[in-house]
Amino acid sequence: MEVKVYGAGWCHDTQDTLRHLKELGVAHVYIDVEENAEAAEWVRQHNDGKERKPTLDLAGQVLSVPTNRELESALREKGFMA
């Protein structure tokens, strides 16, 4: 099980989410959709054709541009944090 964060280096929301995951101590993999065409396509498939950043995959649960509260709730639900 892993947390994947699909985003872009220039995206403020992506950077906020990455920082929040680090603060929570949640291990994650960052995938830059600007450098990975397959990842960009995956994001569009899960967002009605839009490239929303960040889009996260929490062991199969997809979150698009979640608030910190939504992210923490999903992380707890999936067992990534207590």
PDB file of N, CA and C in Angstrom:
ATOM      1  N   MET A   1       0.852  -1.190   0.000  1.00  0.00           N
ATOM      2  CA  MET A   1       0.000   0.000   0.000  1.00  0.00           C
ATOM      3  C   MET A   1       0.886   1.238   0.000  1.00  0.00           C
ATOM      4  N   GLU A   2       0.512   2.166  -0.855  1.00  0.00           N
ATOM      5  CA  GLU A   2       1.275   3.409  -0.862  1.00  0.00           C
ATOM      6  C   GLU A   2       0.396   4.579  -1.267  1.00  0.00           C
ATOM      7  N   VAL A   3       0.864   5.749  -0.896  1.00  0.00           N
ATOM      8  CA  VAL A   3       0.206   6.997  -1.262  1.00  0.00           C
ATOM      9  C   VAL A   3       0.963   7.562  -2.459  1.00  0.00           C
ATOM     10  N   LYS A   4       0.239   7.815  -3.544  1.00  0.00           N
ATOM     11  CA  LYS A   4       0.839   8.428  -4.721  1.00  0.00           C
ATOM     12  C   LYS A   4       0.240   9.816  -4.893  1.00  0.00           C
ATOM     13  N   VAL A   5       1.104  10.781  -5.122  1.00  0.00           N
ATOM     14  CA  VAL A   5       0.678  12.163  -5.346  1.00  0.00           C
ATOM     15  C   VAL A   5       1.066  12.546  -6.764  1.00  0.00           C
ATOM     16  N   TYR A   6       0.052  12.826  -7.580  1.00  0.00           N
ATOM     17  CA  TYR A   6       0.272  13.270  -8.953  1.00  0.00           C
ATOM     18  C   TYR A   6       0.101  14.780  -8.978  1.00  0.00           C
ATOM     19  N   GLY A   7       1.141  15.490  -9.425  1.00  0.00           N
ATOM     20  CA  GLY A   7       1.043  16.945  -9.435  1.00  0.00           C
ATOM     21  C   GLY A   7       2.127  17.567 -10.289  1.00  0.00           C
ATOM     22  N   ALA A   8       2.422  18.822 -10.000  1.00  0.00           N
ATOM     23  CA  ALA A   8       3.444  19.567 -10.742  1.00  0.00           C
ATOM     24  C   ALA A   8       4.228  20.447  -9.778  1.00  0.00           C
ATOM     25  N   GLY A   9       5.497  20.635 -10.101  1.00  0.00           N
ATOM     26  CA  GLY A   9       6.369  21.423  -9.242  1.00  0.00           C
ATOM     27  C   GLY A   9       5.926  22.864  -9.060  1.00  0.00           C
ATOM     28  N   TRP A  10       5.282  23.424 -10.084  1.00  0.00           N
ATOM     29  CA  TRP A  10       4.847  24.827 -10.020  1.00  0.00           C
ATOM     30  C   TRP A  10       3.494  24.995  -9.322  1.00  0.00           C
ATOM     31  N   CYS A  11       2.824  23.886  -9.035  1.00  0.00           N
ATOM     32  CA  CYS A  11       1.453  23.940  -8.498  1.00  0.00           C
ATOM     33  C   CYS A  11       1.444  24.125  -6.985  1.00  0.00           C
ATOM     34  N   HIS A  12       0.882  25.237  -6.549  1.00  0.00           N
ATOM     35  CA  HIS A  12       0.822  25.573  -5.123  1.00  0.00           C
ATOM     36  C   HIS A  12       0.082  24.496  -4.326  1.00  0.00           C
ATOM     37  N   ASP A  13      -1.056  24.025  -4.838  1.00  0.00           N
ATOM     38  CA  ASP A  13      -1.820  22.998  -4.125  1.00  0.00           C
ATOM     39  C   ASP A  13      -1.026  21.701  -3.978  1.00  0.00           C
ATOM     40  N   THR A  14      -0.296  21.329  -5.025  1.00  0.00           N
ATOM     41  CA  THR A  14       0.541  20.126  -4.953  1.00  0.00           C
ATOM     42  C   THR A  14       1.591  20.282  -3.863  1.00  0.00           C
ATOM     43  N   GLN A  15       2.258  21.424  -3.844  1.00  0.00           N
ATOM     44  CA  GLN A  15       3.313  21.647  -2.859  1.00  0.00           C
ATOM     45  C   GLN A  15       2.746  21.653  -1.436  1.00  0.00           C
ATOM     46  N   ASP A  16       1.569  22.233  -1.253  1.00  0.00           N
ATOM     47  CA  ASP A  16       0.922  22.230   0.066  1.00  0.00           C
ATOM     48  C   ASP A  16       0.608  20.811   0.521  1.00  0.00           C
ATOM     49  N   THR A  17       0.104  19.986  -0.395  1.00  0.00           N
ATOM     50  CA  THR A  17      -0.237  18.603  -0.058  1.00  0.00           C
ATOM     51  C   THR A  17       1.017  17.805   0.285  1.00  0.00           C
ATOM     52  N   LEU A  18       2.079  17.973  -0.493  1.00  0.00           N
ATOM     53  CA  LEU A  18       3.335  17.270  -0.209  1.00  0.00           C
ATOM     54  C   LEU A  18       3.893  17.675   1.152  1.00  0.00           C
ATOM     55  N   ARG A  19       3.827  18.958   1.462  1.00  0.00           N
ATOM     56  CA  ARG A  19       4.312  19.457   2.746  1.00  0.00           C
ATOM     57  C   ARG A  19       3.482  18.874   3.894  1.00  0.00           C
ATOM     58  N   HIS A  20       2.161  18.825   3.699  1.00  0.00           N
ATOM     59  CA  HIS A  20       1.273  18.297   4.740  1.00  0.00           C
ATOM     60  C   HIS A  20       1.554  16.806   4.982  1.00  0.00           C
ATOM     61  N   LEU A  21       1.734  16.034   3.930  1.00  0.00           N
ATOM     62  CA  LEU A  21       2.056  14.613   4.090  1.00  0.00           C
ATOM     63  C   LEU A  21       3.364  14.444   4.860  1.00  0.00           C
ATOM     64  N   LYS A  22       4.344  15.271   4.545  1.00  0.00           N
ATOM     65  CA  LYS A  22       5.633  15.207   5.238  1.00  0.00           C
ATOM     66  C   LYS A  22       5.457  15.533   6.721  1.00  0.00           C
ATOM     67  N   GLU A  23       4.683  16.580   7.013  1.00  0.00           N
ATOM     68  CA  GLU A  23       4.420  16.963   8.413  1.00  0.00           C
ATOM     69  C   GLU A  23       3.723  15.843   9.176  1.00  0.00           C
ATOM     70  N   LEU A  24       2.835  15.104   8.481  1.00  0.00           N
ATOM     71  CA  LEU A  24       2.111  14.002   9.108  1.00  0.00           C
ATOM     72  C   LEU A  24       2.972  12.745   9.232  1.00  0.00           C
ATOM     73  N   GLY A  25       4.106  12.735   8.541  1.00  0.00           N
ATOM     74  CA  GLY A  25       4.977  11.566   8.571  1.00  0.00           C
ATOM     75  C   GLY A  25       4.462  10.416   7.719  1.00  0.00           C
ATOM     76  N   VAL A  26       3.671  10.733   6.695  1.00  0.00           N
ATOM     77  CA  VAL A  26       3.102   9.712   5.824  1.00  0.00           C
ATOM     78  C   VAL A  26       4.009   9.537   4.600  1.00  0.00           C
ATOM     79  N   ALA A  27       4.523   8.326   4.429  1.00  0.00           N
ATOM     80  CA  ALA A  27       5.369   8.034   3.270  1.00  0.00           C
ATOM     81  C   ALA A  27       4.539   8.150   1.994  1.00  0.00           C
ATOM     82  N   HIS A  28       5.135   8.698   0.961  1.00  0.00           N
ATOM     83  CA  HIS A  28       4.411   8.895  -0.287  1.00  0.00           C
ATOM     84  C   HIS A  28       5.373   8.918  -1.467  1.00  0.00           C
ATOM     85  N   VAL A  29       4.812   8.726  -2.650  1.00  0.00           N
ATOM     86  CA  VAL A  29       5.557   8.797  -3.899  1.00  0.00           C
ATOM     87  C   VAL A  29       4.995   9.985  -4.668  1.00  0.00           C
ATOM     88  N   TYR A  30       5.876  10.864  -5.143  1.00  0.00           N
ATOM     89  CA  TYR A  30       5.460  12.022  -5.926  1.00  0.00           C
ATOM     90  C   TYR A  30       5.718  11.746  -7.403  1.00  0.00           C
ATOM     91  N   ILE A  31       4.716  11.971  -8.225  1.00  0.00           N
ATOM     92  CA  ILE A  31       4.836  11.783  -9.664  1.00  0.00           C
ATOM     93  C   ILE A  31       4.498  13.102 -10.352  1.00  0.00           C
ATOM     94  N   ASP A  32       5.461  13.666 -11.066  1.00  0.00           N
ATOM     95  CA  ASP A  32       5.287  14.946 -11.756  1.00  0.00           C
ATOM     96  C   ASP A  32       4.621  14.690 -13.111  1.00  0.00           C
ATOM     97  N   VAL A  33       3.381  15.149 -13.244  1.00  0.00           N
ATOM     98  CA  VAL A  33       2.639  14.911 -14.485  1.00  0.00           C
ATOM     99  C   VAL A  33       3.191  15.719 -15.655  1.00  0.00           C
ATOM    100  N   GLU A  34       4.012  16.710 -15.371  1.00  0.00           N
ATOM    101  CA  GLU A  34       4.634  17.495 -16.444  1.00  0.00           C
ATOM    102  C   GLU A  34       5.730  16.664 -17.122  1.00  0.00           C
ATOM    103  N   GLU A  35       6.268  15.669 -16.408  1.00  0.00           N
ATOM    104  CA  GLU A  35       7.374  14.865 -16.921  1.00  0.00           C
ATOM    105  C   GLU A  35       6.957  13.437 -17.259  1.00  0.00           C
ATOM    106  N   ASN A  36       5.712  13.089 -16.973  1.00  0.00           N
ATOM    107  CA  ASN A  36       5.271  11.715 -17.159  1.00  0.00           C
ATOM    108  C   ASN A  36       3.904  11.706 -17.852  1.00  0.00           C
ATOM    109  N   ALA A  37       3.906  11.443 -19.144  1.00  0.00           N
ATOM    110  CA  ALA A  37       2.678  11.503 -19.941  1.00  0.00           C
ATOM    111  C   ALA A  37       1.656  10.462 -19.490  1.00  0.00           C
ATOM    112  N   GLU A  38       2.108   9.279 -19.103  1.00  0.00           N
ATOM    113  CA  GLU A  38       1.186   8.246 -18.618  1.00  0.00           C
ATOM    114  C   GLU A  38       0.498   8.689 -17.337  1.00  0.00           C
ATOM    115  N   ALA A  39       1.250   9.322 -16.453  1.00  0.00           N
ATOM    116  CA  ALA A  39       0.677   9.827 -15.201  1.00  0.00           C
ATOM    117  C   ALA A  39      -0.340  10.926 -15.486  1.00  0.00           C
ATOM    118  N   ALA A  40      -0.024  11.813 -16.415  1.00  0.00           N
ATOM    119  CA  ALA A  40      -0.951  12.894 -16.776  1.00  0.00           C
ATOM    120  C   ALA A  40      -2.251  12.305 -17.323  1.00  0.00           C
ATOM    121  N   GLU A  41      -2.141  11.269 -18.133  1.00  0.00           N
ATOM    122  CA  GLU A  41      -3.324  10.611 -18.686  1.00  0.00           C
ATOM    123  C   GLU A  41      -4.137   9.949 -17.575  1.00  0.00           C
ATOM    124  N   TRP A  42      -3.471   9.313 -16.604  1.00  0.00           N
ATOM    125  CA  TRP A  42      -4.158   8.688 -15.467  1.00  0.00           C
ATOM    126  C   TRP A  42      -4.970   9.743 -14.710  1.00  0.00           C
ATOM    127  N   VAL A  43      -4.353  10.899 -14.481  1.00  0.00           N
ATOM    128  CA  VAL A  43      -5.044  11.989 -13.771  1.00  0.00           C
ATOM    129  C   VAL A  43      -6.278  12.423 -14.557  1.00  0.00           C
ATOM    130  N   ARG A  44      -6.141  12.608 -15.865  1.00  0.00           N
ATOM    131  CA  ARG A  44      -7.289  13.028 -16.686  1.00  0.00           C
ATOM    132  C   ARG A  44      -8.405  11.978 -16.660  1.00  0.00           C
ATOM    133  N   GLN A  45      -8.043  10.713 -16.680  1.00  0.00           N
ATOM    134  CA  GLN A  45      -9.043   9.637 -16.641  1.00  0.00           C
ATOM    135  C   GLN A  45      -9.858   9.667 -15.344  1.00  0.00           C
ATOM    136  N   HIS A  46      -9.250  10.114 -14.273  1.00  0.00           N
ATOM    137  CA  HIS A  46      -9.930  10.134 -12.974  1.00  0.00           C
ATOM    138  C   HIS A  46     -10.566  11.483 -12.641  1.00  0.00           C
ATOM    139  N   ASN A  47     -10.483  12.432 -13.570  1.00  0.00           N
ATOM    140  CA  ASN A  47     -11.012  13.781 -13.323  1.00  0.00           C
ATOM    141  C   ASN A  47     -11.810  14.309 -14.519  1.00  0.00           C
ATOM    142  N   ASP A  48     -12.582  13.444 -15.145  1.00  0.00           N
ATOM    143  CA  ASP A  48     -13.435  13.852 -16.270  1.00  0.00           C
ATOM    144  C   ASP A  48     -12.671  14.632 -17.338  1.00  0.00           C
ATOM    145  N   GLY A  49     -11.455  14.185 -17.642  1.00  0.00           N
ATOM    146  CA  GLY A  49     -10.661  14.805 -18.699  1.00  0.00           C
ATOM    147  C   GLY A  49      -9.830  15.993 -18.258  1.00  0.00           C
ATOM    148  N   LYS A  50      -9.954  16.385 -16.991  1.00  0.00           N
ATOM    149  CA  LYS A  50      -9.193  17.537 -16.489  1.00  0.00           C
ATOM    150  C   LYS A  50      -7.923  17.052 -15.783  1.00  0.00           C
ATOM    151  N   GLU A  51      -6.891  17.862 -15.857  1.00  0.00           N
ATOM    152  CA  GLU A  51      -5.635  17.536 -15.192  1.00  0.00           C
ATOM    153  C   GLU A  51      -5.586  18.281 -13.858  1.00  0.00           C
ATOM    154  N   ARG A  52      -6.359  17.796 -12.895  1.00  0.00           N
ATOM    155  CA  ARG A  52      -6.448  18.461 -11.585  1.00  0.00           C
ATOM    156  C   ARG A  52      -5.243  18.081 -10.734  1.00  0.00           C
ATOM    157  N   LYS A  53      -4.656  19.075 -10.114  1.00  0.00           N
ATOM    158  CA  LYS A  53      -3.451  18.873  -9.321  1.00  0.00           C
ATOM    159  C   LYS A  53      -3.636  19.429  -7.919  1.00  0.00           C
ATOM    160  N   PRO A  54      -3.285  18.673  -6.920  1.00  0.00           N
ATOM    161  CA  PRO A  54      -2.841  17.289  -7.018  1.00  0.00           C
ATOM    162  C   PRO A  54      -4.021  16.316  -7.065  1.00  0.00           C
ATOM    163  N   THR A  55      -3.761  15.172  -7.675  1.00  0.00           N
ATOM    164  CA  THR A  55      -4.670  14.036  -7.587  1.00  0.00           C
ATOM    165  C   THR A  55      -3.896  12.946  -6.862  1.00  0.00           C
ATOM    166  N   LEU A  56      -4.521  12.366  -5.845  1.00  0.00           N
ATOM    167  CA  LEU A  56      -3.852  11.354  -5.040  1.00  0.00           C
ATOM    168  C   LEU A  56      -4.510   9.999  -5.206  1.00  0.00           C
ATOM    169  N   ASP A  57      -3.691   8.976  -5.119  1.00  0.00           N
ATOM    170  CA  ASP A  57      -4.157   7.595  -5.113  1.00  0.00           C
ATOM    171  C   ASP A  57      -3.756   7.008  -3.760  1.00  0.00           C
ATOM    172  N   LEU A  58      -4.744   6.775  -2.908  1.00  0.00           N
ATOM    173  CA  LEU A  58      -4.502   6.180  -1.596  1.00  0.00           C
ATOM    174  C   LEU A  58      -4.950   4.725  -1.662  1.00  0.00           C
ATOM    175  N   ALA A  59      -4.061   3.869  -2.122  1.00  0.00           N
ATOM    176  CA  ALA A  59      -4.371   2.439  -2.226  1.00  0.00           C
ATOM    177  C   ALA A  59      -5.700   2.206  -2.935  1.00  0.00           C
ATOM    178  N   GLY A  60      -5.908   2.907  -4.047  1.00  0.00           N
ATOM    179  CA  GLY A  60      -7.110   2.723  -4.846  1.00  0.00           C
ATOM    180  C   GLY A  60      -8.183   3.782  -4.662  1.00  0.00           C
ATOM    181  N   GLN A  61      -8.107   4.549  -3.589  1.00  0.00           N
ATOM    182  CA  GLN A  61      -9.057   5.650  -3.384  1.00  0.00           C
ATOM    183  C   GLN A  61      -8.451   6.906  -3.997  1.00  0.00           C
ATOM    184  N   VAL A  62      -9.182   7.522  -4.921  1.00  0.00           N
ATOM    185  CA  VAL A  62      -8.676   8.704  -5.625  1.00  0.00           C
ATOM    186  C   VAL A  62      -9.259   9.966  -5.002  1.00  0.00           C
ATOM    187  N   LEU A  63      -8.365  10.908  -4.684  1.00  0.00           N
ATOM    188  CA  LEU A  63      -8.765  12.216  -4.151  1.00  0.00           C
ATOM    189  C   LEU A  63      -8.218  13.285  -5.092  1.00  0.00           C
ATOM    190  N   SER A  64      -9.052  14.236  -5.455  1.00  0.00           N
ATOM    191  CA  SER A  64      -8.623  15.331  -6.318  1.00  0.00           C
ATOM    192  C   SER A  64      -8.663  16.644  -5.546  1.00  0.00           C
ATOM    193  N   VAL A  65      -7.510  17.277  -5.448  1.00  0.00           N
ATOM    194  CA  VAL A  65      -7.336  18.556  -4.761  1.00  0.00           C
ATOM    195  C   VAL A  65      -8.042  18.522  -3.389  1.00  0.00           C
ATOM    196  N   PRO A  66      -7.656  17.558  -2.539  1.00  0.00           N
ATOM    197  CA  PRO A  66      -8.332  17.455  -1.242  1.00  0.00           C
ATOM    198  C   PRO A  66      -7.888  18.552  -0.271  1.00  0.00           C
ATOM    199  N   THR A  67      -8.788  18.916   0.642  1.00  0.00           N
ATOM    200  CA  THR A  67      -8.389  19.787   1.747  1.00  0.00           C
ATOM    201  C   THR A  67      -7.548  18.938   2.691  1.00  0.00           C
ATOM    202  N   ASN A  68      -6.835  19.574   3.602  1.00  0.00           N
ATOM    203  CA  ASN A  68      -6.051  18.823   4.587  1.00  0.00           C
ATOM    204  C   ASN A  68      -6.951  17.911   5.405  1.00  0.00           C
ATOM    205  N   ARG A  69      -8.119  18.385   5.758  1.00  0.00           N
ATOM    206  CA  ARG A  69      -9.060  17.586   6.556  1.00  0.00           C
ATOM    207  C   ARG A  69      -9.532  16.354   5.767  1.00  0.00           C
ATOM    208  N   GLU A  70      -9.875  16.548   4.484  1.00  0.00           N
ATOM    209  CA  GLU A  70     -10.295  15.419   3.642  1.00  0.00           C
ATOM    210  C   GLU A  70      -9.166  14.405   3.496  1.00  0.00           C
ATOM    211  N   LEU A  71      -7.952  14.909   3.309  1.00  0.00           N
ATOM    212  CA  LEU A  71      -6.794  14.038   3.157  1.00  0.00           C
ATOM    213  C   LEU A  71      -6.555  13.227   4.422  1.00  0.00           C
ATOM    214  N   GLU A  72      -6.560  13.894   5.568  1.00  0.00           N
ATOM    215  CA  GLU A  72      -6.326  13.197   6.834  1.00  0.00           C
ATOM    216  C   GLU A  72      -7.394  12.149   7.095  1.00  0.00           C
ATOM    217  N   SER A  73      -8.640  12.461   6.806  1.00  0.00           N
ATOM    218  CA  SER A  73      -9.732  11.521   7.000  1.00  0.00           C
ATOM    219  C   SER A  73      -9.529  10.272   6.133  1.00  0.00           C
ATOM    220  N   ALA A  74      -9.176  10.475   4.873  1.00  0.00           N
ATOM    221  CA  ALA A  74      -8.953   9.352   3.956  1.00  0.00           C
ATOM    222  C   ALA A  74      -7.730   8.538   4.377  1.00  0.00           C
ATOM    223  N   LEU A  75      -6.684   9.201   4.845  1.00  0.00           N
ATOM    224  CA  LEU A  75      -5.480   8.504   5.309  1.00  0.00           C
ATOM    225  C   LEU A  75      -5.805   7.614   6.500  1.00  0.00           C
ATOM    226  N   ARG A  76      -6.613   8.119   7.430  1.00  0.00           N
ATOM    227  CA  ARG A  76      -7.017   7.313   8.591  1.00  0.00           C
ATOM    228  C   ARG A  76      -7.863   6.120   8.149  1.00  0.00           C
ATOM    229  N   GLU A  77      -8.821   6.394   7.257  1.00  0.00           N
ATOM    230  CA  GLU A  77      -9.738   5.364   6.757  1.00  0.00           C
ATOM    231  C   GLU A  77      -8.973   4.209   6.104  1.00  0.00           C
ATOM    232  N   LYS A  78      -7.902   4.550   5.383  1.00  0.00           N
ATOM    233  CA  LYS A  78      -7.123   3.544   4.653  1.00  0.00           C
ATOM    234  C   LYS A  78      -5.995   2.946   5.503  1.00  0.00           C
ATOM    235  N   GLY A  79      -5.836   3.434   6.738  1.00  0.00           N
ATOM    236  CA  GLY A  79      -4.833   2.872   7.634  1.00  0.00           C
ATOM    237  C   GLY A  79      -3.427   3.413   7.460  1.00  0.00           C
ATOM    238  N   PHE A  80      -3.293   4.559   6.807  1.00  0.00           N
ATOM    239  CA  PHE A  80      -1.979   5.169   6.640  1.00  0.00           C
ATOM    240  C   PHE A  80      -1.541   5.966   7.867  1.00  0.00           C
ATOM    241  N   MET A  81      -2.511   6.309   8.717  1.00  0.00           N
ATOM    242  CA  MET A  81      -2.193   7.014   9.962  1.00  0.00           C
ATOM    243  C   MET A  81      -3.270   6.712  10.980  1.00  0.00           C
ATOM    244  N   ALA A  82      -2.909   6.856  12.249  1.00  0.00           N
ATOM    245  CA  ALA A  82      -3.860   6.534  13.330  1.00  0.00           C
ATOM    246  C   ALA A  82      -4.827   7.675  13.571  1.00  0.00           C
TER     247      ALA A  82
END
